[in-house]
ModelCIF file with pLDDT and N, C-alpha, C, O atoms, coordinates in Angstrom:
data_MODEL
#
_entry.id   MODEL 
#
_entity.id                         1 
_entity.type                       polymer 
_entity.pdbx_number_of_molecules   1 
#
_entity_poly.entity_id                      1 
_entity_poly.type                           'polypeptide(L)' 
_entity_poly.nstd_linkage                   no 
_entity_poly.nstd_monomer                   no 
_entity_poly.pdbx_seq_one_letter_code       VREAFKNRPVRSITYEDVWAFHKSLSDRKRQANVCVQLCKVIFK 
_entity_poly.pdbx_seq_one_letter_code_can   VREAFKNRPVRSITYEDVWAFHKSLSDRKRQANVCVQLCKVIFK 
_entity_poly.pdbx_strand_id                 A 
#
loop_
_entity_poly_seq.entity_id 
_entity_poly_seq.num 
_entity_poly_seq.mon_id 
_entity_poly_seq.hetero 
1 1  VAL n 
1 2  ARG n 
1 3  GLU n 
1 4  ALA n 
1 5  PHE n 
1 6  LYS n 
1 7  ASN n 
1 8  ARG n 
1 9  PRO n 
1 10 VAL n 
1 11 ARG n 
1 12 SER n 
1 13 ILE n 
1 14 THR n 
1 15 TYR n 
1 16 GLU n 
1 17 ASP n 
1 18 VAL n 
1 19 TRP n 
1 20 ALA n 
1 21 PHE n 
1 22 HIS n 
1 23 LYS n 
1 24 SER n 
1 25 LEU n 
1 26 SER n 
1 27 ASP n 
1 28 ARG n 
1 29 LYS n 
1 30 ARG n 
1 31 GLN n 
1 32 ALA n 
1 33 ASN n 
1 34 VAL n 
1 35 CYS n 
1 36 VAL n 
1 37 GLN n 
1 38 LEU n 
1 39 CYS n 
1 40 LYS n 
1 41 VAL n 
1 42 ILE n 
1 43 PHE n 
1 44 LYS n 
#
_struct_asym.id          A 
_struct_asym.entity_id   1 
#
loop_
_ma_qa_metric.id 
_ma_qa_metric.mode 
_ma_qa_metric.name 
_ma_qa_metric.software_group_id 
_ma_qa_metric.type 
1 global pLDDT . pLDDT 
2 local  pLDDT . pLDDT 
#
_ma_qa_metric_global.metric_id      1 
_ma_qa_metric_global.metric_value   93.23 
_ma_qa_metric_global.model_id       1 
_ma_qa_metric_global.ordinal_id     1 
#
loop_
_ma_qa_metric_local.label_asym_id 
_ma_qa_metric_local.label_comp_id 
_ma_qa_metric_local.label_seq_id 
_ma_qa_metric_local.metric_id 
_ma_qa_metric_local.metric_value 
_ma_qa_metric_local.model_id 
_ma_qa_metric_local.ordinal_id 
A VAL 1  2 95.00 1 1  
A ARG 2  2 95.00 1 2  
A GLU 3  2 95.00 1 3  
A ALA 4  2 94.00 1 4  
A PHE 5  2 95.00 1 5  
A LYS 6  2 93.00 1 6  
A ASN 7  2 91.00 1 7  
A ARG 8  2 93.00 1 8  
A PRO 9  2 93.00 1 9  
A VAL 10 2 93.00 1 10 
A ARG 11 2 91.00 1 11 
A SER 12 2 92.00 1 12 
A ILE 13 2 94.00 1 13 
A THR 14 2 93.00 1 14 
A TYR 15 2 93.00 1 15 
A GLU 16 2 93.00 1 16 
A ASP 17 2 94.00 1 17 
A VAL 18 2 95.00 1 18 
A TRP 19 2 95.00 1 19 
A ALA 20 2 94.00 1 20 
A PHE 21 2 95.00 1 21 
A HIS 22 2 95.00 1 22 
A LYS 23 2 94.00 1 23 
A SER 24 2 94.00 1 24 
A LEU 25 2 93.00 1 25 
A SER 26 2 91.00 1 26 
A ASP 27 2 90.00 1 27 
A ARG 28 2 89.00 1 28 
A LYS 29 2 90.00 1 29 
A ARG 30 2 89.00 1 30 
A GLN 31 2 92.00 1 31 
A ALA 32 2 94.00 1 32 
A ASN 33 2 93.00 1 33 
A VAL 34 2 92.00 1 34 
A CYS 35 2 94.00 1 35 
A VAL 36 2 95.00 1 36 
A GLN 37 2 93.00 1 37 
A LEU 38 2 94.00 1 38 
A CYS 39 2 95.00 1 39 
A LYS 40 2 94.00 1 40 
A VAL 41 2 93.00 1 41 
A ILE 42 2 95.00 1 42 
A PHE 43 2 94.00 1 43 
A LYS 44 2 93.00 1 44 
#
loop_
_atom_site.group_PDB 
_atom_site.id 
_atom_site.type_symbol 
_atom_site.label_atom_id 
_atom_site.label_alt_id 
_atom_site.label_comp_id 
_atom_site.label_asym_id 
_atom_site.label_entity_id 
_atom_site.label_seq_id 
_atom_site.pdbx_PDB_ins_code 
_atom_site.Cartn_x 
_atom_site.Cartn_y 
_atom_site.Cartn_z 
_atom_site.occupancy 
_atom_site.B_iso_or_equiv 
_atom_site.pdbx_formal_charge 
_atom_site.auth_seq_id 
_atom_site.auth_comp_id 
_atom_site.auth_asym_id 
_atom_site.auth_atom_id 
_atom_site.pdbx_PDB_model_num 
ATOM 1   N N  . VAL A 1 1  ? -52.146 52.468 9.565  1.00 95.00 ? 1  VAL A N  1 
ATOM 2   C CA . VAL A 1 1  ? -53.256 51.365 9.197  1.00 95.00 ? 1  VAL A CA 1 
ATOM 3   C C  . VAL A 1 1  ? -54.557 51.852 8.796  1.00 95.00 ? 1  VAL A C  1 
ATOM 4   O O  . VAL A 1 1  ? -55.496 51.063 8.900  1.00 95.00 ? 1  VAL A O  1 
ATOM 5   N N  . ARG A 1 2  ? -54.777 53.025 8.354  1.00 95.00 ? 2  ARG A N  1 
ATOM 6   C CA . ARG A 1 2  ? -55.448 53.684 7.275  1.00 95.00 ? 2  ARG A CA 1 
ATOM 7   C C  . ARG A 1 2  ? -55.666 54.068 5.368  1.00 95.00 ? 2  ARG A C  1 
ATOM 8   O O  . ARG A 1 2  ? -56.527 54.190 4.496  1.00 95.00 ? 2  ARG A O  1 
ATOM 9   N N  . GLU A 1 3  ? -53.685 54.140 5.685  1.00 95.00 ? 3  GLU A N  1 
ATOM 10  C CA . GLU A 1 3  ? -53.792 54.111 4.621  1.00 95.00 ? 3  GLU A CA 1 
ATOM 11  C C  . GLU A 1 3  ? -52.953 52.819 3.734  1.00 95.00 ? 3  GLU A C  1 
ATOM 12  O O  . GLU A 1 3  ? -52.601 52.707 2.559  1.00 95.00 ? 3  GLU A O  1 
ATOM 13  N N  . ALA A 1 4  ? -52.831 51.822 5.107  1.00 94.00 ? 4  ALA A N  1 
ATOM 14  C CA . ALA A 1 4  ? -52.868 50.449 4.454  1.00 94.00 ? 4  ALA A CA 1 
ATOM 15  C C  . ALA A 1 4  ? -53.799 49.671 3.387  1.00 94.00 ? 4  ALA A C  1 
ATOM 16  O O  . ALA A 1 4  ? -53.572 48.944 2.420  1.00 94.00 ? 4  ALA A O  1 
ATOM 17  N N  . PHE A 1 5  ? -54.555 49.997 3.803  1.00 95.00 ? 5  PHE A N  1 
ATOM 18  C CA . PHE A 1 5  ? -55.487 48.801 2.662  1.00 95.00 ? 5  PHE A CA 1 
ATOM 19  C C  . PHE A 1 5  ? -56.693 50.346 2.569  1.00 95.00 ? 5  PHE A C  1 
ATOM 20  O O  . PHE A 1 5  ? -57.914 50.336 2.718  1.00 95.00 ? 5  PHE A O  1 
ATOM 21  N N  . LYS A 1 6  ? -55.791 51.520 2.279  1.00 93.00 ? 6  LYS A N  1 
ATOM 22  C CA . LYS A 1 6  ? -57.746 52.753 1.626  1.00 93.00 ? 6  LYS A CA 1 
ATOM 23  C C  . LYS A 1 6  ? -57.872 51.732 0.160  1.00 93.00 ? 6  LYS A C  1 
ATOM 24  O O  . LYS A 1 6  ? -57.304 50.883 -0.526 1.00 93.00 ? 6  LYS A O  1 
ATOM 25  N N  . ASN A 1 7  ? -59.353 52.753 0.353  1.00 91.00 ? 7  ASN A N  1 
ATOM 26  C CA . ASN A 1 7  ? -60.157 51.910 -1.009 1.00 91.00 ? 7  ASN A CA 1 
ATOM 27  C C  . ASN A 1 7  ? -60.274 50.419 -1.143 1.00 91.00 ? 7  ASN A C  1 
ATOM 28  O O  . ASN A 1 7  ? -60.167 49.789 -2.195 1.00 91.00 ? 7  ASN A O  1 
ATOM 29  N N  . ARG A 1 8  ? -60.507 49.934 0.051  1.00 93.00 ? 8  ARG A N  1 
ATOM 30  C CA . ARG A 1 8  ? -60.283 47.718 0.147  1.00 93.00 ? 8  ARG A CA 1 
ATOM 31  C C  . ARG A 1 8  ? -61.701 47.783 0.977  1.00 93.00 ? 8  ARG A C  1 
ATOM 32  O O  . ARG A 1 8  ? -61.910 48.329 2.060  1.00 93.00 ? 8  ARG A O  1 
ATOM 33  N N  . PRO A 1 9  ? -62.624 47.048 0.120  1.00 93.00 ? 9  PRO A N  1 
ATOM 34  C CA . PRO A 1 9  ? -63.669 46.444 0.476  1.00 93.00 ? 9  PRO A CA 1 
ATOM 35  C C  . PRO A 1 9  ? -62.757 45.967 2.511  1.00 93.00 ? 9  PRO A C  1 
ATOM 36  O O  . PRO A 1 9  ? -61.585 45.724 2.802  1.00 93.00 ? 9  PRO A O  1 
ATOM 37  N N  . VAL A 1 10 ? -63.826 46.028 3.252  1.00 93.00 ? 10 VAL A N  1 
ATOM 38  C CA . VAL A 1 10 ? -63.102 45.171 4.759  1.00 93.00 ? 10 VAL A CA 1 
ATOM 39  C C  . VAL A 1 10 ? -63.476 43.467 4.775  1.00 93.00 ? 10 VAL A C  1 
ATOM 40  O O  . VAL A 1 10 ? -62.893 42.687 5.528  1.00 93.00 ? 10 VAL A O  1 
ATOM 41  N N  . ARG A 1 11 ? -64.143 43.209 4.174  1.00 91.00 ? 11 ARG A N  1 
ATOM 42  C CA . ARG A 1 11 ? -64.584 41.802 2.876  1.00 91.00 ? 11 ARG A CA 1 
ATOM 43  C C  . ARG A 1 11 ? -62.929 40.532 2.936  1.00 91.00 ? 11 ARG A C  1 
ATOM 44  O O  . ARG A 1 11 ? -62.604 39.500 3.524  1.00 91.00 ? 11 ARG A O  1 
ATOM 45  N N  . SER A 1 12 ? -62.062 41.947 1.436  1.00 92.00 ? 12 SER A N  1 
ATOM 46  C CA . SER A 1 12 ? -61.216 41.477 0.747  1.00 92.00 ? 12 SER A CA 1 
ATOM 47  C C  . SER A 1 12 ? -59.928 41.066 1.889  1.00 92.00 ? 12 SER A C  1 
ATOM 48  O O  . SER A 1 12 ? -59.385 39.963 1.809  1.00 92.00 ? 12 SER A O  1 
ATOM 49  N N  . ILE A 1 13 ? -59.498 42.131 2.995  1.00 94.00 ? 13 ILE A N  1 
ATOM 50  C CA . ILE A 1 13 ? -58.748 42.070 3.544  1.00 94.00 ? 13 ILE A CA 1 
ATOM 51  C C  . ILE A 1 13 ? -58.525 40.806 5.059  1.00 94.00 ? 13 ILE A C  1 
ATOM 52  O O  . ILE A 1 13 ? -59.095 40.549 6.119  1.00 94.00 ? 13 ILE A O  1 
ATOM 53  N N  . THR A 1 14 ? -56.753 40.103 3.888  1.00 93.00 ? 14 THR A N  1 
ATOM 54  C CA . THR A 1 14 ? -56.811 38.677 4.974  1.00 93.00 ? 14 THR A CA 1 
ATOM 55  C C  . THR A 1 14 ? -55.321 38.827 5.464  1.00 93.00 ? 14 THR A C  1 
ATOM 56  O O  . THR A 1 14 ? -54.617 39.833 5.557  1.00 93.00 ? 14 THR A O  1 
ATOM 57  N N  . TYR A 1 15 ? -55.086 37.604 5.728  1.00 93.00 ? 15 TYR A N  1 
ATOM 58  C CA . TYR A 1 15 ? -54.461 37.841 7.283  1.00 93.00 ? 15 TYR A CA 1 
ATOM 59  C C  . TYR A 1 15 ? -52.666 37.950 6.605  1.00 93.00 ? 15 TYR A C  1 
ATOM 60  O O  . TYR A 1 15 ? -51.701 38.440 7.193  1.00 93.00 ? 15 TYR A O  1 
ATOM 61  N N  . GLU A 1 16 ? -52.691 37.354 5.303  1.00 93.00 ? 16 GLU A N  1 
ATOM 62  C CA . GLU A 1 16 ? -51.373 37.631 3.772  1.00 93.00 ? 16 GLU A CA 1 
ATOM 63  C C  . GLU A 1 16 ? -51.355 39.484 4.331  1.00 93.00 ? 16 GLU A C  1 
ATOM 64  O O  . GLU A 1 16 ? -50.614 40.068 5.122  1.00 93.00 ? 16 GLU A O  1 
ATOM 65  N N  . ASP A 1 17 ? -52.494 39.954 3.516  1.00 94.00 ? 17 ASP A N  1 
ATOM 66  C CA . ASP A 1 17 ? -52.053 41.311 3.543  1.00 94.00 ? 17 ASP A CA 1 
ATOM 67  C C  . ASP A 1 17 ? -51.460 42.172 4.789  1.00 94.00 ? 17 ASP A C  1 
ATOM 68  O O  . ASP A 1 17 ? -50.639 43.085 4.694  1.00 94.00 ? 17 ASP A O  1 
ATOM 69  N N  . VAL A 1 18 ? -52.202 41.560 6.256  1.00 95.00 ? 18 VAL A N  1 
ATOM 70  C CA . VAL A 1 18 ? -51.735 42.325 7.223  1.00 95.00 ? 18 VAL A CA 1 
ATOM 71  C C  . VAL A 1 18 ? -50.597 41.922 7.699  1.00 95.00 ? 18 VAL A C  1 
ATOM 72  O O  . VAL A 1 18 ? -50.320 42.987 8.251  1.00 95.00 ? 18 VAL A O  1 
ATOM 73  N N  . TRP A 1 19 ? -49.400 41.019 8.019  1.00 95.00 ? 19 TRP A N  1 
ATOM 74  C CA . TRP A 1 19 ? -48.443 40.471 7.461  1.00 95.00 ? 19 TRP A CA 1 
ATOM 75  C C  . TRP A 1 19 ? -47.652 41.370 6.593  1.00 95.00 ? 19 TRP A C  1 
ATOM 76  O O  . TRP A 1 19 ? -46.687 41.833 7.201  1.00 95.00 ? 19 TRP A O  1 
ATOM 77  N N  . ALA A 1 20 ? -47.766 41.822 5.192  1.00 94.00 ? 20 ALA A N  1 
ATOM 78  C CA . ALA A 1 20 ? -47.380 42.210 4.398  1.00 94.00 ? 20 ALA A CA 1 
ATOM 79  C C  . ALA A 1 20 ? -46.920 43.986 4.830  1.00 94.00 ? 20 ALA A C  1 
ATOM 80  O O  . ALA A 1 20 ? -45.912 44.692 4.802  1.00 94.00 ? 20 ALA A O  1 
ATOM 81  N N  . PHE A 1 21 ? -48.205 44.088 5.174  1.00 95.00 ? 21 PHE A N  1 
ATOM 82  C CA . PHE A 1 21 ? -47.968 45.736 5.590  1.00 95.00 ? 21 PHE A CA 1 
ATOM 83  C C  . PHE A 1 21 ? -47.502 45.829 7.063  1.00 95.00 ? 21 PHE A C  1 
ATOM 84  O O  . PHE A 1 21 ? -47.429 46.935 7.599  1.00 95.00 ? 21 PHE A O  1 
ATOM 85  N N  . HIS A 1 22 ? -47.146 44.557 7.811  1.00 95.00 ? 22 HIS A N  1 
ATOM 86  C CA . HIS A 1 22 ? -46.125 44.918 9.293  1.00 95.00 ? 22 HIS A CA 1 
ATOM 87  C C  . HIS A 1 22 ? -45.147 44.462 8.455  1.00 95.00 ? 22 HIS A C  1 
ATOM 88  O O  . HIS A 1 22 ? -44.138 45.014 8.893  1.00 95.00 ? 22 HIS A O  1 
ATOM 89  N N  . LYS A 1 23 ? -44.875 43.900 7.668  1.00 94.00 ? 23 LYS A N  1 
ATOM 90  C CA . LYS A 1 23 ? -42.974 44.021 7.552  1.00 94.00 ? 23 LYS A CA 1 
ATOM 91  C C  . LYS A 1 23 ? -43.200 45.137 6.530  1.00 94.00 ? 23 LYS A C  1 
ATOM 92  O O  . LYS A 1 23 ? -42.167 45.434 5.928  1.00 94.00 ? 23 LYS A O  1 
ATOM 93  N N  . SER A 1 24 ? -44.095 45.706 6.244  1.00 94.00 ? 24 SER A N  1 
ATOM 94  C CA . SER A 1 24 ? -42.974 47.006 5.947  1.00 94.00 ? 24 SER A CA 1 
ATOM 95  C C  . SER A 1 24 ? -42.938 48.010 6.733  1.00 94.00 ? 24 SER A C  1 
ATOM 96  O O  . SER A 1 24 ? -42.338 49.045 6.442  1.00 94.00 ? 24 SER A O  1 
ATOM 97  N N  . LEU A 1 25 ? -43.488 47.857 7.681  1.00 93.00 ? 25 LEU A N  1 
ATOM 98  C CA . LEU A 1 25 ? -43.500 48.913 9.264  1.00 93.00 ? 25 LEU A CA 1 
ATOM 99  C C  . LEU A 1 25 ? -41.393 48.064 9.619  1.00 93.00 ? 25 LEU A C  1 
ATOM 100 O O  . LEU A 1 25 ? -41.041 48.786 10.551 1.00 93.00 ? 25 LEU A O  1 
ATOM 101 N N  . SER A 1 26 ? -40.536 47.381 9.423  1.00 91.00 ? 26 SER A N  1 
ATOM 102 C CA . SER A 1 26 ? -39.756 47.096 9.718  1.00 91.00 ? 26 SER A CA 1 
ATOM 103 C C  . SER A 1 26 ? -38.598 47.621 10.362 1.00 91.00 ? 26 SER A C  1 
ATOM 104 O O  . SER A 1 26 ? -37.672 47.097 10.981 1.00 91.00 ? 26 SER A O  1 
ATOM 105 N N  . ASP A 1 27 ? -38.937 48.978 10.006 1.00 90.00 ? 27 ASP A N  1 
ATOM 106 C CA . ASP A 1 27 ? -37.830 50.167 10.422 1.00 90.00 ? 27 ASP A CA 1 
ATOM 107 C C  . ASP A 1 27 ? -38.003 50.490 11.374 1.00 90.00 ? 27 ASP A C  1 
ATOM 108 O O  . ASP A 1 27 ? -37.116 50.893 12.127 1.00 90.00 ? 27 ASP A O  1 
ATOM 109 N N  . ARG A 1 28 ? -39.779 50.384 11.780 1.00 89.00 ? 28 ARG A N  1 
ATOM 110 C CA . ARG A 1 28 ? -40.249 50.706 12.585 1.00 89.00 ? 28 ARG A CA 1 
ATOM 111 C C  . ARG A 1 28 ? -41.092 50.004 14.066 1.00 89.00 ? 28 ARG A C  1 
ATOM 112 O O  . ARG A 1 28 ? -42.285 50.196 14.298 1.00 89.00 ? 28 ARG A O  1 
ATOM 113 N N  . LYS A 1 29 ? -40.359 49.355 14.761 1.00 90.00 ? 29 LYS A N  1 
ATOM 114 C CA . LYS A 1 29 ? -40.564 48.084 14.728 1.00 90.00 ? 29 LYS A CA 1 
ATOM 115 C C  . LYS A 1 29 ? -41.447 47.972 15.971 1.00 90.00 ? 29 LYS A C  1 
ATOM 116 O O  . LYS A 1 29 ? -41.948 46.866 16.169 1.00 90.00 ? 29 LYS A O  1 
ATOM 117 N N  . ARG A 1 30 ? -41.725 49.007 16.884 1.00 89.00 ? 30 ARG A N  1 
ATOM 118 C CA . ARG A 1 30 ? -42.842 49.280 17.857 1.00 89.00 ? 30 ARG A CA 1 
ATOM 119 C C  . ARG A 1 30 ? -44.113 49.606 17.064 1.00 89.00 ? 30 ARG A C  1 
ATOM 120 O O  . ARG A 1 30 ? -45.188 49.013 16.966 1.00 89.00 ? 30 ARG A O  1 
ATOM 121 N N  . GLN A 1 31 ? -43.677 50.657 16.568 1.00 92.00 ? 31 GLN A N  1 
ATOM 122 C CA . GLN A 1 31 ? -44.813 51.410 15.772 1.00 92.00 ? 31 GLN A CA 1 
ATOM 123 C C  . GLN A 1 31 ? -45.237 50.257 15.310 1.00 92.00 ? 31 GLN A C  1 
ATOM 124 O O  . GLN A 1 31 ? -45.983 49.615 16.050 1.00 92.00 ? 31 GLN A O  1 
ATOM 125 N N  . ALA A 1 32 ? -44.893 49.714 14.032 1.00 94.00 ? 32 ALA A N  1 
ATOM 126 C CA . ALA A 1 32 ? -45.362 47.986 13.006 1.00 94.00 ? 32 ALA A CA 1 
ATOM 127 C C  . ALA A 1 32 ? -46.366 47.127 14.087 1.00 94.00 ? 32 ALA A C  1 
ATOM 128 O O  . ALA A 1 32 ? -47.553 46.977 13.800 1.00 94.00 ? 32 ALA A O  1 
ATOM 129 N N  . ASN A 1 33 ? -45.711 46.488 15.545 1.00 93.00 ? 33 ASN A N  1 
ATOM 130 C CA . ASN A 1 33 ? -46.629 45.937 16.723 1.00 93.00 ? 33 ASN A CA 1 
ATOM 131 C C  . ASN A 1 33 ? -47.690 46.753 17.013 1.00 93.00 ? 33 ASN A C  1 
ATOM 132 O O  . ASN A 1 33 ? -48.799 46.224 16.944 1.00 93.00 ? 33 ASN A O  1 
ATOM 133 N N  . VAL A 1 34 ? -47.614 48.167 17.389 1.00 92.00 ? 34 VAL A N  1 
ATOM 134 C CA . VAL A 1 34 ? -49.264 48.837 17.570 1.00 92.00 ? 34 VAL A CA 1 
ATOM 135 C C  . VAL A 1 34 ? -50.226 48.977 16.431 1.00 92.00 ? 34 VAL A C  1 
ATOM 136 O O  . VAL A 1 34 ? -51.403 49.330 16.515 1.00 92.00 ? 34 VAL A O  1 
ATOM 137 N N  . CYS A 1 35 ? -49.503 48.623 15.270 1.00 94.00 ? 35 CYS A N  1 
ATOM 138 C CA . CYS A 1 35 ? -50.030 48.933 14.173 1.00 94.00 ? 35 CYS A CA 1 
ATOM 139 C C  . CYS A 1 35 ? -51.407 47.446 13.712 1.00 94.00 ? 35 CYS A C  1 
ATOM 140 O O  . CYS A 1 35 ? -52.570 47.598 13.338 1.00 94.00 ? 35 CYS A O  1 
ATOM 141 N N  . VAL A 1 36 ? -50.982 46.737 13.842 1.00 95.00 ? 36 VAL A N  1 
ATOM 142 C CA . VAL A 1 36 ? -51.419 45.060 14.008 1.00 95.00 ? 36 VAL A CA 1 
ATOM 143 C C  . VAL A 1 36 ? -52.456 44.594 15.042 1.00 95.00 ? 36 VAL A C  1 
ATOM 144 O O  . VAL A 1 36 ? -53.331 43.811 14.673 1.00 95.00 ? 36 VAL A O  1 
ATOM 145 N N  . GLN A 1 37 ? -52.401 45.164 16.727 1.00 93.00 ? 37 GLN A N  1 
ATOM 146 C CA . GLN A 1 37 ? -52.338 45.110 17.110 1.00 93.00 ? 37 GLN A CA 1 
ATOM 147 C C  . GLN A 1 37 ? -53.994 46.561 17.508 1.00 93.00 ? 37 GLN A C  1 
ATOM 148 O O  . GLN A 1 37 ? -54.714 46.726 18.492 1.00 93.00 ? 37 GLN A O  1 
ATOM 149 N N  . LEU A 1 38 ? -53.921 47.162 16.330 1.00 94.00 ? 38 LEU A N  1 
ATOM 150 C CA . LEU A 1 38 ? -55.160 48.396 16.372 1.00 94.00 ? 38 LEU A CA 1 
ATOM 151 C C  . LEU A 1 38 ? -55.896 47.475 15.222 1.00 94.00 ? 38 LEU A C  1 
ATOM 152 O O  . LEU A 1 38 ? -57.088 47.405 14.923 1.00 94.00 ? 38 LEU A O  1 
ATOM 153 N N  . CYS A 1 39 ? -54.820 46.838 14.724 1.00 95.00 ? 39 CYS A N  1 
ATOM 154 C CA . CYS A 1 39 ? -56.196 46.054 13.636 1.00 95.00 ? 39 CYS A CA 1 
ATOM 155 C C  . CYS A 1 39 ? -56.795 44.617 13.695 1.00 95.00 ? 39 CYS A C  1 
ATOM 156 O O  . CYS A 1 39 ? -57.832 44.208 13.174 1.00 95.00 ? 39 CYS A O  1 
ATOM 157 N N  . LYS A 1 40 ? -55.994 44.033 14.367 1.00 94.00 ? 40 LYS A N  1 
ATOM 158 C CA . LYS A 1 40 ? -56.725 43.513 15.280 1.00 94.00 ? 40 LYS A CA 1 
ATOM 159 C C  . LYS A 1 40 ? -58.620 44.076 16.086 1.00 94.00 ? 40 LYS A C  1 
ATOM 160 O O  . LYS A 1 40 ? -59.761 43.725 15.786 1.00 94.00 ? 40 LYS A O  1 
ATOM 161 N N  . VAL A 1 41 ? -57.823 45.499 17.636 1.00 93.00 ? 41 VAL A N  1 
ATOM 162 C CA . VAL A 1 41 ? -59.506 45.684 17.708 1.00 93.00 ? 41 VAL A CA 1 
ATOM 163 C C  . VAL A 1 41 ? -60.279 46.093 16.340 1.00 93.00 ? 41 VAL A C  1 
ATOM 164 O O  . VAL A 1 41 ? -61.336 45.562 15.999 1.00 93.00 ? 41 VAL A O  1 
ATOM 165 N N  . ILE A 1 42 ? -59.759 46.884 15.761 1.00 95.00 ? 42 ILE A N  1 
ATOM 166 C CA . ILE A 1 42 ? -61.164 47.435 14.253 1.00 95.00 ? 42 ILE A CA 1 
ATOM 167 C C  . ILE A 1 42 ? -61.081 46.201 13.979 1.00 95.00 ? 42 ILE A C  1 
ATOM 168 O O  . ILE A 1 42 ? -62.051 45.997 14.709 1.00 95.00 ? 42 ILE A O  1 
ATOM 169 N N  . PHE A 1 43 ? -60.665 44.515 13.367 1.00 94.00 ? 43 PHE A N  1 
ATOM 170 C CA . PHE A 1 43 ? -61.692 43.536 12.730 1.00 94.00 ? 43 PHE A CA 1 
ATOM 171 C C  . PHE A 1 43 ? -62.342 43.221 14.466 1.00 94.00 ? 43 PHE A C  1 
ATOM 172 O O  . PHE A 1 43 ? -63.527 42.904 14.368 1.00 94.00 ? 43 PHE A O  1 
ATOM 173 N N  . LYS A 1 44 ? -62.014 43.230 15.505 1.00 93.00 ? 44 LYS A N  1 
ATOM 174 C CA . LYS A 1 44 ? -62.925 43.000 16.171 1.00 93.00 ? 44 LYS A CA 1 
ATOM 175 C C  . LYS A 1 44 ? -64.265 43.228 16.187 1.00 93.00 ? 44 LYS A C  1 
ATOM 176 O O  . LYS A 1 44 ? -64.952 42.804 17.117 1.00 93.00 ? 44 LYS A O  1 
#
């Protein structure tokens, strides 16, 4: 999760970026879902 949007302001991250990050982990489906849920808690 840290490396996915490194050096980017939090305000600039959109749902398209999170979706692309989720797709990049298609070979690790369970971990991809966990990473998105962690992003949700961090944004909250």
